[in-house]
Every structure is written in structure tokens, then in C-alpha cells.
Amino acid sequence: GKLVKQNEMGRIVEQAGGVGLNANTSNEATRYFYSFPA
């Protein structure tokens, strides 16, 4: 655990202006999504 950078991907996304980093799993699909400045 001491070697883990907690939620580094989320931090990178937020610092770059990204929003809505999220995912969901249903019976039939797994979806990963977020938005960024162009």
C-alpha cells in the first residue's frame, strides 16, 4: 500500500480539466467514460 499512488488516474484527469470519470457494469456491457477539453 505504501507504494500505491491513490487514484492517480483521477488526479491526472482532474488536473487536465476532465470531468465525469466513471464506469458501470451491466448484465451485457462494461462502460468507461469521461469528458475532456478539446
Full PDB file with SEQRES, HELIX, SHEET, SSBOND, CRYST1, ORIGX, SCALE, CONECT and MASTER records, all heavy atoms in Angstrom:
SEQRES   1 A   38  GLY LYS LEU VAL LYS GLN ASN GLU MET GLY ARG ILE VAL          
SEQRES   2 A   38  GLU GLN ALA GLY GLY VAL GLY LEU ASN ALA ASN THR SER          
SEQRES   3 A   38  ASN GLU ALA THR ARG TYR PHE TYR SER PHE PRO ALA              
HELIX    1 AA1 GLU A    8  GLN A   15  1                                   8    
SHEET    1 AA1 2 VAL A  19  THR A  25  0                                        
SHEET    2 AA1 2 THR A  30  SER A  35 -1                                        
CRYST1    1.000    1.000    1.000  90.00  90.00  90.00 P 1           1          
ORIGX1      1.000000  0.000000  0.000000        0.00000                         
ORIGX2      0.000000  1.000000  0.000000        0.00000                         
ORIGX3      0.000000  0.000000  1.000000        0.00000                         
SCALE1      1.000000  0.000000  0.000000        0.00000                         
SCALE2      0.000000  1.000000  0.000000        0.00000                         
SCALE3      0.000000  0.000000  1.000000        0.00000                         
ATOM      1  N   GLY A   1       0.803  -1.221   0.000  1.00  0.00           N  
ATOM      2  CA  GLY A   1       0.000   0.000   0.000  1.00  0.00           C  
ATOM      3  C   GLY A   1       0.835   1.270   0.000  1.00  0.00           C  
ATOM      4  O   GLY A   1       0.424   2.300  -0.552  1.00  0.00           O  
ATOM      5  N   LYS A   2       2.028   1.209   0.614  1.00  0.00           N  
ATOM      6  CA  LYS A   2       2.900   2.383   0.669  1.00  0.00           C  
ATOM      7  C   LYS A   2       3.434   2.763  -0.710  1.00  0.00           C  
ATOM      8  O   LYS A   2       3.890   3.895  -0.912  1.00  0.00           O  
ATOM      9  CB  LYS A   2       4.071   2.110   1.616  1.00  0.00           C  
ATOM     10  CG  LYS A   2       3.671   1.951   3.075  1.00  0.00           C  
ATOM     11  CD  LYS A   2       4.868   1.547   3.926  1.00  0.00           C  
ATOM     12  CE  LYS A   2       4.456   1.288   5.382  1.00  0.00           C  
ATOM     13  NZ  LYS A   2       5.599   0.827   6.200  1.00  0.00           N  
ATOM     14  N   LEU A   3       3.374   1.821  -1.634  1.00  0.00           N  
ATOM     15  CA  LEU A   3       3.897   2.067  -2.982  1.00  0.00           C  
ATOM     16  C   LEU A   3       2.814   2.504  -3.967  1.00  0.00           C  
ATOM     17  O   LEU A   3       3.096   2.766  -5.144  1.00  0.00           O  
ATOM     18  CB  LEU A   3       4.588   0.804  -3.513  1.00  0.00           C  
ATOM     19  CG  LEU A   3       5.822   0.350  -2.718  1.00  0.00           C  
ATOM     20  CD1 LEU A   3       6.291  -1.016  -3.212  1.00  0.00           C  
ATOM     21  CD2 LEU A   3       6.939   1.372  -2.851  1.00  0.00           C  
ATOM     22  N   VAL A   4       1.564   2.571  -3.485  1.00  0.00           N  
ATOM     23  CA  VAL A   4       0.437   2.928  -4.345  1.00  0.00           C  
ATOM     24  C   VAL A   4       0.219   4.439  -4.345  1.00  0.00           C  
ATOM     25  O   VAL A   4       0.196   5.071  -3.292  1.00  0.00           O  
ATOM     26  CB  VAL A   4      -0.854   2.225  -3.893  1.00  0.00           C  
ATOM     27  CG1 VAL A   4      -2.050   2.702  -4.723  1.00  0.00           C  
ATOM     28  CG2 VAL A   4      -0.706   0.711  -4.023  1.00  0.00           C  
ATOM     29  N   LYS A   5       0.063   5.008  -5.537  1.00  0.00           N  
ATOM     30  CA  LYS A   5      -0.366   6.395  -5.665  1.00  0.00           C  
ATOM     31  C   LYS A   5      -1.887   6.382  -5.827  1.00  0.00           C  
ATOM     32  O   LYS A   5      -2.402   6.048  -6.901  1.00  0.00           O  
ATOM     33  CB  LYS A   5       0.284   7.048  -6.895  1.00  0.00           C  
ATOM     34  CG  LYS A   5       1.755   7.354  -6.738  1.00  0.00           C  
ATOM     35  CD  LYS A   5       2.258   8.097  -7.982  1.00  0.00           C  
ATOM     36  CE  LYS A   5       3.715   8.478  -7.855  1.00  0.00           C  
ATOM     37  NZ  LYS A   5       4.205   9.192  -9.065  1.00  0.00           N  
ATOM     38  N   GLN A   6      -2.585   6.691  -4.742  1.00  0.00           N  
ATOM     39  CA  GLN A   6      -4.027   6.555  -4.732  1.00  0.00           C  
ATOM     40  C   GLN A   6      -4.701   7.423  -5.801  1.00  0.00           C  
ATOM     41  O   GLN A   6      -4.412   8.611  -5.935  1.00  0.00           O  
ATOM     42  CB  GLN A   6      -4.578   6.953  -3.353  1.00  0.00           C  
ATOM     43  CG  GLN A   6      -4.168   6.019  -2.229  1.00  0.00           C  
ATOM     44  CD  GLN A   6      -4.826   4.640  -2.349  1.00  0.00           C  
ATOM     45  OE1 GLN A   6      -5.873   4.490  -2.979  1.00  0.00           O  
ATOM     46  NE2 GLN A   6      -4.197   3.637  -1.742  1.00  0.00           N  
ATOM     47  N   ASN A   7      -5.579   6.807  -6.573  1.00  0.00           N  
ATOM     48  CA  ASN A   7      -6.405   7.489  -7.569  1.00  0.00           C  
ATOM     49  C   ASN A   7      -5.590   8.424  -8.470  1.00  0.00           C  
ATOM     50  O   ASN A   7      -5.992   9.549  -8.752  1.00  0.00           O  
ATOM     51  CB  ASN A   7      -7.530   8.281  -6.873  1.00  0.00           C  
ATOM     52  CG  ASN A   7      -8.589   8.753  -7.863  1.00  0.00           C  
ATOM     53  OD1 ASN A   7      -8.848   8.113  -8.883  1.00  0.00           O  
ATOM     54  ND2 ASN A   7      -9.211   9.884  -7.565  1.00  0.00           N  
ATOM     55  N   GLU A   8      -4.419   7.936  -8.905  1.00  0.00           N  
ATOM     56  CA  GLU A   8      -3.581   8.802  -9.736  1.00  0.00           C  
ATOM     57  C   GLU A   8      -4.245   9.115 -11.074  1.00  0.00           C  
ATOM     58  O   GLU A   8      -4.148  10.235 -11.587  1.00  0.00           O  
ATOM     59  CB  GLU A   8      -2.210   8.175  -9.977  1.00  0.00           C  
ATOM     60  CG  GLU A   8      -1.294   9.144 -10.723  1.00  0.00           C  
ATOM     61  CD  GLU A   8       0.115   8.633 -10.924  1.00  0.00           C  
ATOM     62  OE1 GLU A   8       0.335   7.408 -10.861  1.00  0.00           O  
ATOM     63  OE2 GLU A   8       0.992   9.471 -11.156  1.00  0.00           O  
ATOM     64  N   MET A   9      -4.950   8.137 -11.627  1.00  0.00           N  
ATOM     65  CA  MET A   9      -5.613   8.403 -12.902  1.00  0.00           C  
ATOM     66  C   MET A   9      -6.650   9.518 -12.746  1.00  0.00           C  
ATOM     67  O   MET A   9      -6.742  10.424 -13.574  1.00  0.00           O  
ATOM     68  CB  MET A   9      -6.281   7.133 -13.429  1.00  0.00           C  
ATOM     69  CG  MET A   9      -6.906   7.335 -14.797  1.00  0.00           C  
ATOM     70  SD  MET A   9      -7.518   5.805 -15.538  1.00  0.00           S  
ATOM     71  CE  MET A   9      -8.196   6.428 -17.062  1.00  0.00           C  
ATOM     72  N   GLY A  10      -7.439   9.450 -11.666  1.00  0.00           N  
ATOM     73  CA  GLY A  10      -8.422  10.500 -11.418  1.00  0.00           C  
ATOM     74  C   GLY A  10      -7.776  11.858 -11.241  1.00  0.00           C  
ATOM     75  O   GLY A  10      -8.286  12.881 -11.710  1.00  0.00           O  
ATOM     76  N   ARG A  11      -6.627  11.890 -10.562  1.00  0.00           N  
ATOM     77  CA  ARG A  11      -5.923  13.153 -10.343  1.00  0.00           C  
ATOM     78  C   ARG A  11      -5.422  13.730 -11.672  1.00  0.00           C  
ATOM     79  O   ARG A  11      -5.548  14.935 -11.926  1.00  0.00           O  
ATOM     80  CB  ARG A  11      -4.749  12.921  -9.403  1.00  0.00           C  
ATOM     81  CG  ARG A  11      -3.942  14.180  -9.102  1.00  0.00           C  
ATOM     82  CD  ARG A  11      -2.758  13.874  -8.216  1.00  0.00           C  
ATOM     83  NE  ARG A  11      -1.865  12.861  -8.796  1.00  0.00           N  
ATOM     84  CZ  ARG A  11      -0.986  13.125  -9.764  1.00  0.00           C  
ATOM     85  NH1 ARG A  11      -0.892  14.349 -10.274  1.00  0.00           N  
ATOM     86  NH2 ARG A  11      -0.213  12.162 -10.229  1.00  0.00           N  
ATOM     87  N   ILE A  12      -4.884  12.873 -12.541  1.00  0.00           N  
ATOM     88  CA  ILE A  12      -4.410  13.331 -13.851  1.00  0.00           C  
ATOM     89  C   ILE A  12      -5.566  13.921 -14.656  1.00  0.00           C  
ATOM     90  O   ILE A  12      -5.441  14.988 -15.273  1.00  0.00           O  
ATOM     91  CB  ILE A  12      -3.752  12.167 -14.623  1.00  0.00           C  
ATOM     92  CG1 ILE A  12      -2.475  11.708 -13.920  1.00  0.00           C  
ATOM     93  CG2 ILE A  12      -3.451  12.574 -16.066  1.00  0.00           C  
ATOM     94  CD1 ILE A  12      -1.892  10.411 -14.481  1.00  0.00           C  
ATOM     95  N   VAL A  13      -6.686  13.226 -14.635  1.00  0.00           N  
ATOM     96  CA  VAL A  13      -7.859  13.681 -15.388  1.00  0.00           C  
ATOM     97  C   VAL A  13      -8.342  15.023 -14.856  1.00  0.00           C  
ATOM     98  O   VAL A  13      -8.601  15.968 -15.620  1.00  0.00           O  
ATOM     99  CB  VAL A  13      -8.980  12.624 -15.332  1.00  0.00           C  
ATOM    100  CG1 VAL A  13     -10.279  13.182 -15.904  1.00  0.00           C  
ATOM    101  CG2 VAL A  13      -8.571  11.367 -16.092  1.00  0.00           C  
ATOM    102  N   GLU A  14      -8.467  15.152 -13.546  1.00  0.00           N  
ATOM    103  CA  GLU A  14      -8.954  16.397 -12.962  1.00  0.00           C  
ATOM    104  C   GLU A  14      -8.010  17.558 -13.242  1.00  0.00           C  
ATOM    105  O   GLU A  14      -8.451  18.667 -13.570  1.00  0.00           O  
ATOM    106  CB  GLU A  14      -9.142  16.219 -11.457  1.00  0.00           C  
ATOM    107  CG  GLU A  14     -10.390  15.427 -11.096  1.00  0.00           C  
ATOM    108  CD  GLU A  14     -10.656  15.423  -9.604  1.00  0.00           C  
ATOM    109  OE1 GLU A  14      -9.692  15.274  -8.818  1.00  0.00           O  
ATOM    110  OE2 GLU A  14     -11.816  15.565  -9.211  1.00  0.00           O  
ATOM    111  N   GLN A  15      -6.727  17.334 -13.101  1.00  0.00           N  
ATOM    112  CA  GLN A  15      -5.756  18.409 -13.320  1.00  0.00           C  
ATOM    113  C   GLN A  15      -5.756  18.898 -14.764  1.00  0.00           C  
ATOM    114  O   GLN A  15      -5.415  20.046 -15.030  1.00  0.00           O  
ATOM    115  CB  GLN A  15      -4.360  17.933 -12.931  1.00  0.00           C  
ATOM    116  CG  GLN A  15      -4.153  17.810 -11.425  1.00  0.00           C  
ATOM    117  CD  GLN A  15      -2.742  17.370 -11.069  1.00  0.00           C  
ATOM    118  OE1 GLN A  15      -1.974  16.944 -11.932  1.00  0.00           O  
ATOM    119  NE2 GLN A  15      -2.400  17.469  -9.790  1.00  0.00           N  
ATOM    120  N   ALA A  16      -6.157  18.024 -15.673  1.00  0.00           N  
ATOM    121  CA  ALA A  16      -6.222  18.405 -17.091  1.00  0.00           C  
ATOM    122  C   ALA A  16      -7.592  18.956 -17.479  1.00  0.00           C  
ATOM    123  O   ALA A  16      -7.858  19.188 -18.670  1.00  0.00           O  
ATOM    124  CB  ALA A  16      -5.876  17.204 -17.963  1.00  0.00           C  
ATOM    125  N   GLY A  17      -8.460  19.159 -16.484  1.00  0.00           N  
ATOM    126  CA  GLY A  17      -9.775  19.716 -16.757  1.00  0.00           C  
ATOM    127  C   GLY A  17     -10.839  18.694 -17.095  1.00  0.00           C  
ATOM    128  O   GLY A  17     -11.933  19.049 -17.542  1.00  0.00           O  
ATOM    129  N   GLY A  18     -10.539  17.428 -16.897  1.00  0.00           N  
ATOM    130  CA  GLY A  18     -11.512  16.377 -17.187  1.00  0.00           C  
ATOM    131  C   GLY A  18     -12.593  16.277 -16.119  1.00  0.00           C  
ATOM    132  O   GLY A  18     -12.370  16.649 -14.957  1.00  0.00           O  
ATOM    133  N   VAL A  19     -13.760  15.798 -16.501  1.00  0.00           N  
ATOM    134  CA  VAL A  19     -14.884  15.622 -15.570  1.00  0.00           C  
ATOM    135  C   VAL A  19     -15.593  14.305 -15.853  1.00  0.00           C  
ATOM    136  O   VAL A  19     -15.522  13.752 -16.956  1.00  0.00           O  
ATOM    137  CB  VAL A  19     -15.919  16.774 -15.682  1.00  0.00           C  
ATOM    138  CG1 VAL A  19     -15.309  18.092 -15.243  1.00  0.00           C  
ATOM    139  CG2 VAL A  19     -16.430  16.885 -17.124  1.00  0.00           C  
ATOM    140  N   GLY A  20     -16.274  13.820 -14.820  1.00  0.00           N  
ATOM    141  CA  GLY A  20     -17.153  12.666 -15.005  1.00  0.00           C  
ATOM    142  C   GLY A  20     -16.463  11.336 -15.179  1.00  0.00           C  
ATOM    143  O   GLY A  20     -17.045  10.416 -15.773  1.00  0.00           O  
ATOM    144  N   LEU A  21     -15.243  11.177 -14.678  1.00  0.00           N  
ATOM    145  CA  LEU A  21     -14.553   9.889 -14.785  1.00  0.00           C  
ATOM    146  C   LEU A  21     -15.343   8.839 -14.023  1.00  0.00           C  
ATOM    147  O   LEU A  21     -15.505   8.926 -12.819  1.00  0.00           O  
ATOM    148  CB  LEU A  21     -13.135  10.003 -14.218  1.00  0.00           C  
ATOM    149  CG  LEU A  21     -12.300   8.722 -14.175  1.00  0.00           C  
ATOM    150  CD1 LEU A  21     -12.065   8.185 -15.580  1.00  0.00           C  
ATOM    151  CD2 LEU A  21     -10.976   8.973 -13.471  1.00  0.00           C  
ATOM    152  N   ASN A  22     -15.850   7.852 -14.739  1.00  0.00           N  
ATOM    153  CA  ASN A  22     -16.791   6.920 -14.130  1.00  0.00           C  
ATOM    154  C   ASN A  22     -16.878   5.664 -14.985  1.00  0.00           C  
ATOM    155  O   ASN A  22     -16.297   5.571 -16.063  1.00  0.00           O  
ATOM    156  CB  ASN A  22     -18.175   7.580 -14.023  1.00  0.00           C  
ATOM    157  CG  ASN A  22     -18.949   7.098 -12.811  1.00  0.00           C  
ATOM    158  OD1 ASN A  22     -18.770   5.969 -12.365  1.00  0.00           O  
ATOM    159  ND2 ASN A  22     -19.810   7.951 -12.279  1.00  0.00           N  
ATOM    160  N   ALA A  23     -17.610   4.691 -14.478  1.00  0.00           N  
ATOM    161  CA  ALA A  23     -17.815   3.435 -15.212  1.00  0.00           C  
ATOM    162  C   ALA A  23     -19.021   2.729 -14.648  1.00  0.00           C  
ATOM    163  O   ALA A  23     -19.454   3.005 -13.521  1.00  0.00           O  
ATOM    164  CB  ALA A  23     -16.580   2.540 -15.107  1.00  0.00           C  
ATOM    165  N   ASN A  24     -19.593   1.819 -15.411  1.00  0.00           N  
ATOM    166  CA  ASN A  24     -20.639   0.952 -14.875  1.00  0.00           C  
ATOM    167  C   ASN A  24     -20.603  -0.389 -15.578  1.00  0.00           C  
ATOM    168  O   ASN A  24     -20.094  -0.520 -16.697  1.00  0.00           O  
ATOM    169  CB  ASN A  24     -22.030   1.595 -14.959  1.00  0.00           C  
ATOM    170  CG  ASN A  24     -22.452   1.910 -16.376  1.00  0.00           C  
ATOM    171  OD1 ASN A  24     -22.419   1.071 -17.264  1.00  0.00           O  
ATOM    172  ND2 ASN A  24     -22.874   3.143 -16.610  1.00  0.00           N  
ATOM    173  N   THR A  25     -21.113  -1.386 -14.878  1.00  0.00           N  
ATOM    174  CA  THR A  25     -21.197  -2.749 -15.405  1.00  0.00           C  
ATOM    175  C   THR A  25     -22.644  -3.187 -15.376  1.00  0.00           C  
ATOM    176  O   THR A  25     -23.317  -3.052 -14.350  1.00  0.00           O  
ATOM    177  CB  THR A  25     -20.360  -3.721 -14.557  1.00  0.00           C  
ATOM    178  OG1 THR A  25     -19.015  -3.250 -14.483  1.00  0.00           O  
ATOM    179  CG2 THR A  25     -20.355  -5.108 -15.178  1.00  0.00           C  
ATOM    180  N   SER A  26     -23.117  -3.708 -16.474  1.00  0.00           N  
ATOM    181  CA  SER A  26     -24.474  -4.258 -16.539  1.00  0.00           C  
ATOM    182  C   SER A  26     -24.378  -5.741 -16.850  1.00  0.00           C  
ATOM    183  O   SER A  26     -23.296  -6.318 -16.897  1.00  0.00           O  
ATOM    184  CB  SER A  26     -25.290  -3.539 -17.617  1.00  0.00           C  
ATOM    185  OG  SER A  26     -24.815  -3.889 -18.902  1.00  0.00           O  
ATOM    186  N   ASN A  27     -25.505  -6.355 -17.086  1.00  0.00           N  
ATOM    187  CA  ASN A  27     -25.506  -7.759 -17.481  1.00  0.00           C  
ATOM    188  C   ASN A  27     -24.767  -7.985 -18.789  1.00  0.00           C  
ATOM    189  O   ASN A  27     -24.248  -9.073 -19.025  1.00  0.00           O  
ATOM    190  CB  ASN A  27     -26.956  -8.250 -17.644  1.00  0.00           C  
ATOM    191  CG  ASN A  27     -27.635  -8.513 -16.322  1.00  0.00           C  
ATOM    192  OD1 ASN A  27     -27.487  -9.572 -15.744  1.00  0.00           O  
ATOM    193  ND2 ASN A  27     -28.362  -7.513 -15.826  1.00  0.00           N  
ATOM    194  N   GLU A  28     -24.732  -6.962 -19.645  1.00  0.00           N  
ATOM    195  CA  GLU A  28     -24.273  -7.188 -21.012  1.00  0.00           C  
ATOM    196  C   GLU A  28     -23.068  -6.361 -21.431  1.00  0.00           C  
ATOM    197  O   GLU A  28     -22.476  -6.631 -22.478  1.00  0.00           O  
ATOM    198  CB  GLU A  28     -25.427  -6.860 -21.977  1.00  0.00           C  
ATOM    199  CG  GLU A  28     -26.669  -7.617 -21.658  1.00  0.00           C  
ATOM    200  CD  GLU A  28     -27.935  -6.812 -21.924  1.00  0.00           C  
ATOM    201  OE1 GLU A  28     -27.858  -5.575 -22.005  1.00  0.00           O  
ATOM    202  OE2 GLU A  28     -28.987  -7.438 -22.039  1.00  0.00           O  
ATOM    203  N   ALA A  29     -22.703  -5.362 -20.659  1.00  0.00           N  
ATOM    204  CA  ALA A  29     -21.637  -4.469 -21.100  1.00  0.00           C  
ATOM    205  C   ALA A  29     -20.946  -3.825 -19.909  1.00  0.00           C  
ATOM    206  O   ALA A  29     -21.487  -3.746 -18.814  1.00  0.00           O  
ATOM    207  CB  ALA A  29     -22.198  -3.383 -22.011  1.00  0.00           C  
ATOM    208  N   THR A  30     -19.717  -3.356 -20.164  1.00  0.00           N  
ATOM    209  CA  THR A  30     -18.988  -2.547 -19.197  1.00  0.00           C  
ATOM    210  C   THR A  30     -18.573  -1.275 -19.905  1.00  0.00           C  
ATOM    211  O   THR A  30     -17.988  -1.327 -20.991  1.00  0.00           O  
ATOM    212  CB  THR A  30     -17.750  -3.292 -18.664  1.00  0.00           C  
ATOM    213  OG1 THR A  30     -18.125  -4.614 -18.268  1.00  0.00           O  
ATOM    214  CG2 THR A  30     -17.166  -2.561 -17.467  1.00  0.00           C  
ATOM    215  N   ARG A  31     -18.908  -0.138 -19.309  1.00  0.00           N  
ATOM    216  CA  ARG A  31     -18.712   1.156 -19.966  1.00  0.00           C  
ATOM    217  C   ARG A  31     -17.809   2.039 -19.113  1.00  0.00           C  
ATOM    218  O   ARG A  31     -18.035   2.183 -17.915  1.00  0.00           O  
ATOM    219  CB  ARG A  31     -20.056   1.843 -20.193  1.00  0.00           C  
ATOM    220  CG  ARG A  31     -21.089   0.963 -20.883  1.00  0.00           C  
ATOM    221  CD  ARG A  31     -22.474   1.566 -20.807  1.00  0.00           C  
ATOM    222  NE  ARG A  31     -23.505   0.657 -21.296  1.00  0.00           N  
ATOM    223  CZ  ARG A  31     -24.096  -0.279 -20.559  1.00  0.00           C  
ATOM    224  NH1 ARG A  31     -23.751  -0.440 -19.270  1.00  0.00           N  
ATOM    225  NH2 ARG A  31     -25.020  -1.062 -21.055  1.00  0.00           N  
ATOM    226  N   TYR A  32     -16.850   2.688 -19.765  1.00  0.00           N  
ATOM    227  CA  TYR A  32     -15.911   3.593 -19.103  1.00  0.00           C  
ATOM    228  C   TYR A  32     -16.016   4.945 -19.810  1.00  0.00           C  
ATOM    229  O   TYR A  32     -15.910   5.008 -21.044  1.00  0.00           O  
ATOM    230  CB  TYR A  32     -14.480   3.068 -19.210  1.00  0.00           C  
ATOM    231  CG  TYR A  32     -14.300   1.674 -18.645  1.00  0.00           C  
ATOM    232  CD1 TYR A  32     -14.553   0.542 -19.430  1.00  0.00           C  
ATOM    233  CD2 TYR A  32     -13.889   1.485 -17.327  1.00  0.00           C  
ATOM    234  CE1 TYR A  32     -14.391  -0.741 -18.911  1.00  0.00           C  
ATOM    235  CE2 TYR A  32     -13.711   0.202 -16.805  1.00  0.00           C  
ATOM    236  CZ  TYR A  32     -13.975  -0.898 -17.603  1.00  0.00           C  
ATOM    237  OH  TYR A  32     -13.810  -2.175 -17.093  1.00  0.00           O  
ATOM    238  N   PHE A  33     -16.190   6.028 -19.051  1.00  0.00           N  
ATOM    239  CA  PHE A  33     -16.464   7.295 -19.724  1.00  0.00           C  
ATOM    240  C   PHE A  33     -15.996   8.495 -18.905  1.00  0.00           C  
ATOM    241  O   PHE A  33     -15.945   8.458 -17.676  1.00  0.00           O  
ATOM    242  CB  PHE A  33     -17.963   7.426 -20.009  1.00  0.00           C  
ATOM    243  CG  PHE A  33     -18.860   7.023 -18.867  1.00  0.00           C  
ATOM    244  CD1 PHE A  33     -19.273   7.937 -17.909  1.00  0.00           C  
ATOM    245  CD2 PHE A  33     -19.290   5.709 -18.747  1.00  0.00           C  
ATOM    246  CE1 PHE A  33     -20.088   7.548 -16.859  1.00  0.00           C  
ATOM    247  CE2 PHE A  33     -20.118   5.308 -17.690  1.00  0.00           C  
ATOM    248  CZ  PHE A  33     -20.510   6.240 -16.748  1.00  0.00           C  
ATOM    249  N   TYR A  34     -15.620   9.540 -19.615  1.00  0.00           N  
ATOM    250  CA  TYR A  34     -15.348  10.848 -19.037  1.00  0.00           C  
ATOM    251  C   TYR A  34     -15.202  11.854 -20.169  1.00  0.00           C  
ATOM    252  O   TYR A  34     -15.179  11.481 -21.344  1.00  0.00           O  
ATOM    253  CB  TYR A  34     -14.127  10.852 -18.115  1.00  0.00           C  
ATOM    254  CG  TYR A  34     -12.824  10.292 -18.636  1.00  0.00           C  
ATOM    255  CD1 TYR A  34     -11.761  11.125 -18.960  1.00  0.00           C  
ATOM    256  CD2 TYR A  34     -12.624   8.909 -18.752  1.00  0.00           C  
ATOM    257  CE1 TYR A  34     -10.530  10.616 -19.388  1.00  0.00           C  
ATOM    258  CE2 TYR A  34     -11.403   8.396 -19.182  1.00  0.00           C  
ATOM    259  CZ  TYR A  34     -10.363   9.254 -19.505  1.00  0.00           C  
ATOM    260  OH  TYR A  34      -9.153   8.747 -19.924  1.00  0.00           O  
ATOM    261  N   SER A  35     -15.103  13.126 -19.792  1.00  0.00           N  
ATOM    262  CA  SER A  35     -15.011  14.197 -20.777  1.00  0.00           C  
ATOM    263  C   SER A  35     -13.782  15.049 -20.510  1.00  0.00           C  
ATOM    264  O   SER A  35     -13.344  15.175 -19.364  1.00  0.00           O  
ATOM    265  CB  SER A  35     -16.270  15.075 -20.727  1.00  0.00           C  
ATOM    266  OG  SER A  35     -17.440  14.327 -21.002  1.00  0.00           O  
ATOM    267  N   PHE A  36     -13.251  15.635 -21.592  1.00  0.00           N  
ATOM    268  CA  PHE A  36     -12.053  16.468 -21.531  1.00  0.00           C  
ATOM    269  C   PHE A  36     -12.262  17.740 -22.352  1.00  0.00           C  
ATOM    270  O   PHE A  36     -13.085  17.755 -23.285  1.00  0.00           O  
ATOM    271  CB  PHE A  36     -10.863  15.726 -22.144  1.00  0.00           C  
ATOM    272  CG  PHE A  36      -9.932  15.075 -21.165  1.00  0.00           C  
ATOM    273  CD1 PHE A  36      -9.379  13.828 -21.452  1.00  0.00           C  
ATOM    274  CD2 PHE A  36      -9.563  15.699 -19.979  1.00  0.00           C  
ATOM    275  CE1 PHE A  36      -8.495  13.221 -20.576  1.00  0.00           C  
ATOM    276  CE2 PHE A  36      -8.685  15.093 -19.097  1.00  0.00           C  
ATOM    277  CZ  PHE A  36      -8.152  13.854 -19.386  1.00  0.00           C  
ATOM    278  N   PRO A  37     -11.498  18.780 -22.062  1.00  0.00           N  
ATOM    279  CA  PRO A  37     -11.426  19.900 -23.009  1.00  0.00           C  
ATOM    280  C   PRO A  37     -10.903  19.383 -24.350  1.00  0.00           C  
ATOM    281  O   PRO A  37     -10.143  18.412 -24.408  1.00  0.00           O  
ATOM    282  CB  PRO A  37     -10.428  20.857 -22.347  1.00  0.00           C  
ATOM    283  CG  PRO A  37     -10.470  20.523 -20.891  1.00  0.00           C  
ATOM    284  CD  PRO A  37     -10.728  19.048 -20.827  1.00  0.00           C  
ATOM    285  N   ALA A  38     -11.284  20.063 -25.425  1.00  0.00           N  
ATOM    286  CA  ALA A  38     -10.961  19.572 -26.769  1.00  0.00           C  
ATOM    287  C   ALA A  38      -9.459  19.445 -27.010  1.00  0.00           C  
ATOM    288  O   ALA A  38      -9.022  18.600 -27.800  1.00  0.00           O  
ATOM    289  CB  ALA A  38     -11.582  20.498 -27.819  1.00  0.00           C  
TER     290      ALA A  38                                                      
MASTER        0    0    0    1    2    0    0    6  289    1    0    3          
END                                                                             
